Amino acid sequence: MGFGGISIWQLLIVLAIIVLLFGTKKLRGIGGDLGNAIKGFKKAVSEDEQNKPAEPIEQANNPIQNKESVNKNKEDHKA
């Protein structure tokens, strides 16, 4: 038994019919086009990840800056 009840001989017959219908040159061209499309997609995804802007640093990571901004806000509200 092969894939879902299809034997290896049935798969080979289907493959032979496909080759006869389309020819090896056309199948090679389709395979090459598909490979280039996949490579282009992977390249675009990797470039997109590299071009992402860095995430902003949260103010909670810098306690001195937080303290200064709190004092500044207090002065602003007094005036």
Protein backbone atom coordinates (compact mmCIF):
# COMPACT_ATOMS: atom_id res chain seq x y z
CA MET A 1 0.00 0.00 0.00
CA GLY A 2 1.20 3.49 -0.83
CA PHE A 3 -0.34 6.85 -0.12
CA GLY A 4 -4.00 6.50 0.88
CA GLY A 5 -4.47 3.16 -0.87
CA ILE A 6 -2.58 4.12 -4.05
CA SER A 7 0.18 1.67 -4.90
CA ILE A 8 3.60 2.63 -6.23
CA TRP A 9 2.69 1.23 -9.67
CA GLN A 10 -0.33 3.50 -9.93
CA LEU A 11 1.82 6.50 -9.00
CA LEU A 12 4.39 5.55 -11.65
CA ILE A 13 1.65 5.24 -14.30
CA VAL A 14 0.28 8.69 -13.39
CA LEU A 15 3.81 10.13 -13.54
CA ALA A 16 4.40 8.56 -16.96
CA ILE A 17 1.13 10.03 -18.28
CA ILE A 18 2.08 13.47 -16.98
CA VAL A 19 5.49 13.26 -18.64
CA LEU A 20 3.88 12.18 -21.93
CA LEU A 21 1.33 15.01 -21.81
CA PHE A 22 3.65 17.86 -20.88
CA GLY A 23 7.08 16.68 -21.98
CA THR A 24 10.28 16.80 -19.98
CA LYS A 25 11.29 20.30 -21.11
CA LYS A 26 8.06 21.86 -19.93
CA LEU A 27 8.16 19.99 -16.62
CA ARG A 28 11.78 21.08 -16.11
CA GLY A 29 10.77 24.68 -16.84
CA ILE A 30 7.86 24.50 -14.39
CA GLY A 31 10.18 23.05 -11.72
CA GLY A 32 12.76 25.78 -12.31
CA ASP A 33 10.13 28.52 -12.15
CA LEU A 34 8.73 27.08 -8.94
CA GLY A 35 12.22 26.87 -7.42
CA ASN A 36 12.98 30.49 -8.35
CA ALA A 37 9.68 31.63 -6.88
CA ILE A 38 10.44 29.90 -3.59
CA LYS A 39 13.96 31.40 -3.48
CA GLY A 40 12.55 34.87 -4.17
CA PHE A 41 9.98 34.46 -1.42
CA LYS A 42 12.61 33.36 1.11
CA LYS A 43 14.85 36.27 0.13
CA ALA A 44 12.02 38.78 0.50
CA VAL A 45 11.09 37.43 3.92
CA SER A 46 14.70 37.55 5.17
CA GLU A 47 15.16 41.12 3.83
CA ASP A 48 11.93 42.18 5.51
CA GLU A 49 13.14 40.82 8.86
CA GLN A 50 16.48 42.61 8.48
CA ASN A 51 14.82 45.94 7.65
CA LYS A 52 12.54 45.89 10.69
CA PRO A 53 13.18 48.91 12.91
CA ALA A 54 14.55 48.19 16.35
CA GLU A 55 11.94 48.12 19.07
CA PRO A 56 11.97 51.24 21.24
CA ILE A 57 13.70 50.93 24.59
CA GLU A 58 11.22 51.19 27.41
CA GLN A 59 11.77 53.86 30.01
CA ALA A 60 11.45 51.28 32.78
CA ASN A 61 14.91 50.03 31.82
CA ASN A 62 16.51 53.37 32.79
CA PRO A 63 15.56 54.36 36.39
CA ILE A 64 17.55 57.64 36.30
CA GLN A 65 15.69 58.86 33.25
CA ASN A 66 12.37 57.85 34.84
CA LYS A 67 13.20 59.81 37.99
CA GLU A 68 14.08 62.92 35.98
CA SER A 69 10.89 62.71 33.95
CA VAL A 70 8.78 62.30 37.11
CA ASN A 71 10.42 65.36 38.69
CA LYS A 72 9.90 67.34 35.48
CA ASN A 73 6.22 66.35 35.36
CA LYS A 74 5.76 67.47 38.99
CA GLU A 75 7.31 70.87 38.19
CA ASP A 76 5.06 71.27 35.17
CA HIS A 77 1.94 70.63 37.22
CA LYS A 78 2.95 73.12 39.95
CA ALA A 79 3.25 76.02 37.50
